[in-house]
Amino acid sequence: MKTIDVEKLNSVVSNFIEERDWDQFHSIKNLSMALSVETSELVEIFQWLKEEDSNNVKNDPKLKAKVEEEISDIFIYLMRIAIKSGVDIESSVLSKIEKNSEKYPVEKARGNARKYTDL
């Protein structure tokens, strides 16, 4: 995966929103609800696919285009929520992985999907 220039994306998205005077509608509550809707639209794409078909997205241009659209919407809303909440996504993710490493030690979690409370 290539490096994501979050500052560039934020600038482009912010300009888009500013030109349309949409920030007035972008409360954290509204952005969270929009994120949920977009996530559901991603789920809907895969809802009735066979497991193998869902794992072959990159080989199906039409399906991949749909997935790209929803992932983009999800990322935009997530980025907006993080910015408006003052959350540093990079440090937050790194911190969460550290916490998860403690909850899911390799020797107990490797190769199974059980919740940490069941390990």
C-alpha atoms as a PDB file:
ATOM      1  CA  MET A   1       0.000   0.000   0.000  1.00  0.00           C
ATOM      2  CA  LYS A   2       1.327   3.417  -0.813  1.00  0.00           C
ATOM      3  CA  THR A   3       1.611   6.196   1.747  1.00  0.00           C
ATOM      4  CA  ILE A   4      -1.530   8.283   2.178  1.00  0.00           C
ATOM      5  CA  ASP A   5      -1.086  12.052   2.188  1.00  0.00           C
ATOM      6  CA  VAL A   6      -3.787  12.835   4.747  1.00  0.00           C
ATOM      7  CA  GLU A   7      -2.976  16.556   4.730  1.00  0.00           C
ATOM      8  CA  LYS A   8      -3.576  16.698   0.966  1.00  0.00           C
ATOM      9  CA  LEU A   9      -6.823  14.751   1.258  1.00  0.00           C
ATOM     10  CA  ASN A  10      -7.996  16.939   4.111  1.00  0.00           C
ATOM     11  CA  SER A  11      -7.228  20.058   2.094  1.00  0.00           C
ATOM     12  CA  VAL A  12      -9.107  18.811  -0.978  1.00  0.00           C
ATOM     13  CA  VAL A  13     -12.106  17.664   1.089  1.00  0.00           C
ATOM     14  CA  SER A  14     -12.141  20.855   3.164  1.00  0.00           C
ATOM     15  CA  ASN A  15     -12.105  23.006   0.025  1.00  0.00           C
ATOM     16  CA  PHE A  16     -14.923  20.941  -1.478  1.00  0.00           C
ATOM     17  CA  ILE A  17     -17.011  21.390   1.670  1.00  0.00           C
ATOM     18  CA  GLU A  18     -16.172  25.079   2.037  1.00  0.00           C
ATOM     19  CA  GLU A  19     -17.138  25.871  -1.578  1.00  0.00           C
ATOM     20  CA  ARG A  20     -20.571  24.383  -0.917  1.00  0.00           C
ATOM     21  CA  ASP A  21     -21.000  25.844   2.582  1.00  0.00           C
ATOM     22  CA  TRP A  22     -21.654  22.366   3.960  1.00  0.00           C
ATOM     23  CA  ASP A  23     -19.636  22.579   7.160  1.00  0.00           C
ATOM     24  CA  GLN A  24     -22.748  23.900   8.889  1.00  0.00           C
ATOM     25  CA  PHE A  25     -24.248  20.408   8.429  1.00  0.00           C
ATOM     26  CA  HIS A  26     -21.136  18.523   9.489  1.00  0.00           C
ATOM     27  CA  SER A  27     -21.625  18.138  13.200  1.00  0.00           C
ATOM     28  CA  ILE A  28     -19.843  15.138  14.668  1.00  0.00           C
ATOM     29  CA  LYS A  29     -23.262  13.558  15.221  1.00  0.00           C
ATOM     30  CA  ASN A  30     -24.267  13.984  11.568  1.00  0.00           C
ATOM     31  CA  LEU A  31     -20.890  12.821  10.291  1.00  0.00           C
ATOM     32  CA  SER A  32     -21.121   9.725  12.519  1.00  0.00           C
ATOM     33  CA  MET A  33     -24.551   8.889  11.155  1.00  0.00           C
ATOM     34  CA  ALA A  34     -23.335   9.414   7.574  1.00  0.00           C
ATOM     35  CA  LEU A  35     -20.362   7.150   8.297  1.00  0.00           C
ATOM     36  CA  SER A  36     -22.724   4.438   9.502  1.00  0.00           C
ATOM     37  CA  VAL A  37     -24.816   4.727   6.341  1.00  0.00           C
ATOM     38  CA  GLU A  38     -21.774   4.514   4.075  1.00  0.00           C
ATOM     39  CA  THR A  39     -20.443   1.530   6.008  1.00  0.00           C
ATOM     40  CA  SER A  40     -23.795  -0.184   5.524  1.00  0.00           C
ATOM     41  CA  GLU A  41     -23.578   0.524   1.796  1.00  0.00           C
ATOM     42  CA  LEU A  42     -20.195  -1.240   1.731  1.00  0.00           C
ATOM     43  CA  VAL A  43     -21.690  -4.186   3.614  1.00  0.00           C
ATOM     44  CA  GLU A  44     -24.570  -4.289   1.125  1.00  0.00           C
ATOM     45  CA  ILE A  45     -22.134  -4.850  -1.760  1.00  0.00           C
ATOM     46  CA  PHE A  46     -20.903  -8.053  -0.134  1.00  0.00           C
ATOM     47  CA  GLN A  47     -24.155  -9.149   1.483  1.00  0.00           C
ATOM     48  CA  TRP A  48     -25.071 -12.016  -0.852  1.00  0.00           C
ATOM     49  CA  LEU A  49     -21.694 -12.788  -2.402  1.00  0.00           C
ATOM     50  CA  LYS A  50     -20.016 -16.108  -1.860  1.00  0.00           C
ATOM     51  CA  GLU A  51     -16.935 -15.919   0.351  1.00  0.00           C
ATOM     52  CA  GLU A  52     -14.596 -16.549  -2.583  1.00  0.00           C
ATOM     53  CA  ASP A  53     -16.254 -13.834  -4.695  1.00  0.00           C
ATOM     54  CA  SER A  54     -15.932 -11.299  -1.877  1.00  0.00           C
ATOM     55  CA  ASN A  55     -12.207 -12.025  -1.699  1.00  0.00           C
ATOM     56  CA  ASN A  56     -11.797 -11.478  -5.451  1.00  0.00           C
ATOM     57  CA  VAL A  57     -12.773  -7.809  -5.588  1.00  0.00           C
ATOM     58  CA  LYS A  58      -9.488  -6.745  -7.171  1.00  0.00           C
ATOM     59  CA  ASN A  59     -10.171  -9.050 -10.139  1.00  0.00           C
ATOM     60  CA  ASP A  60     -13.676  -7.717 -10.842  1.00  0.00           C
ATOM     61  CA  PRO A  61     -13.495  -4.127 -12.184  1.00  0.00           C
ATOM     62  CA  LYS A  62     -17.207  -3.422 -11.741  1.00  0.00           C
ATOM     63  CA  LEU A  63     -17.287  -4.700  -8.164  1.00  0.00           C
ATOM     64  CA  LYS A  64     -13.986  -2.988  -7.344  1.00  0.00           C
ATOM     65  CA  ALA A  65     -15.379   0.359  -8.571  1.00  0.00           C
ATOM     66  CA  LYS A  66     -18.360   0.037  -6.212  1.00  0.00           C
ATOM     67  CA  VAL A  67     -16.097  -0.879  -3.298  1.00  0.00           C
ATOM     68  CA  GLU A  68     -13.776   2.049  -4.064  1.00  0.00           C
ATOM     69  CA  GLU A  69     -16.711   4.474  -3.977  1.00  0.00           C
ATOM     70  CA  GLU A  70     -17.888   3.300  -0.568  1.00  0.00           C
ATOM     71  CA  ILE A  71     -14.402   3.097   0.942  1.00  0.00           C
ATOM     72  CA  SER A  72     -13.790   6.668  -0.224  1.00  0.00           C
ATOM     73  CA  ASP A  73     -17.006   7.889   1.388  1.00  0.00           C
ATOM     74  CA  ILE A  74     -16.165   6.037   4.605  1.00  0.00           C
ATOM     75  CA  PHE A  75     -12.663   7.476   4.710  1.00  0.00           C
ATOM     76  CA  ILE A  76     -13.870  11.031   4.071  1.00  0.00           C
ATOM     77  CA  TYR A  77     -16.413  10.882   6.887  1.00  0.00           C
ATOM     78  CA  LEU A  78     -13.971   9.187   9.255  1.00  0.00           C
ATOM     79  CA  MET A  79     -11.325  11.807   8.498  1.00  0.00           C
ATOM     80  CA  ARG A  80     -13.827  14.634   9.088  1.00  0.00           C
ATOM     81  CA  ILE A  81     -14.918  13.119  12.415  1.00  0.00           C
ATOM     82  CA  ALA A  82     -11.308  12.746  13.542  1.00  0.00           C
ATOM     83  CA  ILE A  83     -10.446  16.328  12.602  1.00  0.00           C
ATOM     84  CA  LYS A  84     -13.533  17.792  14.246  1.00  0.00           C
ATOM     85  CA  SER A  85     -12.906  15.651  17.351  1.00  0.00           C
ATOM     86  CA  GLY A  86      -9.233  16.551  17.580  1.00  0.00           C
ATOM     87  CA  VAL A  87      -8.227  12.903  17.174  1.00  0.00           C
ATOM     88  CA  ASP A  88      -4.818  12.144  15.670  1.00  0.00           C
ATOM     89  CA  ILE A  89      -5.646   9.024  13.666  1.00  0.00           C
ATOM     90  CA  GLU A  90      -2.043   7.825  13.350  1.00  0.00           C
ATOM     91  CA  SER A  91      -1.212   7.959  17.053  1.00  0.00           C
ATOM     92  CA  SER A  92      -4.663   6.655  17.939  1.00  0.00           C
ATOM     93  CA  VAL A  93      -4.260   3.590  15.695  1.00  0.00           C
ATOM     94  CA  LEU A  94      -0.774   2.881  17.025  1.00  0.00           C
ATOM     95  CA  SER A  95      -2.055   3.142  20.597  1.00  0.00           C
ATOM     96  CA  LYS A  96      -4.999   0.849  19.846  1.00  0.00           C
ATOM     97  CA  ILE A  97      -2.727  -1.787  18.263  1.00  0.00           C
ATOM     98  CA  GLU A  98      -0.558  -1.685  21.387  1.00  0.00           C
ATOM     99  CA  LYS A  99      -3.629  -2.245  23.585  1.00  0.00           C
ATOM    100  CA  ASN A 100      -4.842  -5.040  21.297  1.00  0.00           C
ATOM    101  CA  SER A 101      -1.413  -6.693  21.483  1.00  0.00           C
ATOM    102  CA  GLU A 102      -1.889  -6.993  25.215  1.00  0.00           C
ATOM    103  CA  LYS A 103      -5.450  -8.317  24.873  1.00  0.00           C
ATOM    104  CA  TYR A 104      -4.486 -10.722  22.074  1.00  0.00           C
ATOM    105  CA  PRO A 105      -1.022 -12.118  22.806  1.00  0.00           C
ATOM    106  CA  VAL A 106       0.391 -14.043  19.835  1.00  0.00           C
ATOM    107  CA  GLU A 107       0.778 -17.280  21.789  1.00  0.00           C
ATOM    108  CA  LYS A 108      -2.958 -17.307  22.611  1.00  0.00           C
ATOM    109  CA  ALA A 109      -4.545 -15.560  19.621  1.00  0.00           C
ATOM    110  CA  ARG A 110      -2.600 -16.902  16.640  1.00  0.00           C
ATOM    111  CA  GLY A 111      -4.881 -18.740  14.225  1.00  0.00           C
ATOM    112  CA  ASN A 112      -8.200 -18.288  16.006  1.00  0.00           C
ATOM    113  CA  ALA A 113     -10.945 -15.688  15.983  1.00  0.00           C
ATOM    114  CA  ARG A 114     -12.066 -15.867  19.598  1.00  0.00           C
ATOM    115  CA  LYS A 115     -12.625 -12.697  21.556  1.00  0.00           C
ATOM    116  CA  TYR A 116      -9.894 -11.828  24.053  1.00  0.00           C
ATOM    117  CA  THR A 117     -12.178 -12.712  26.959  1.00  0.00           C
ATOM    118  CA  ASP A 118     -12.349 -16.288  25.628  1.00  0.00           C
ATOM    119  CA  LEU A 119      -8.633 -16.860  25.091  1.00  0.00           C
END
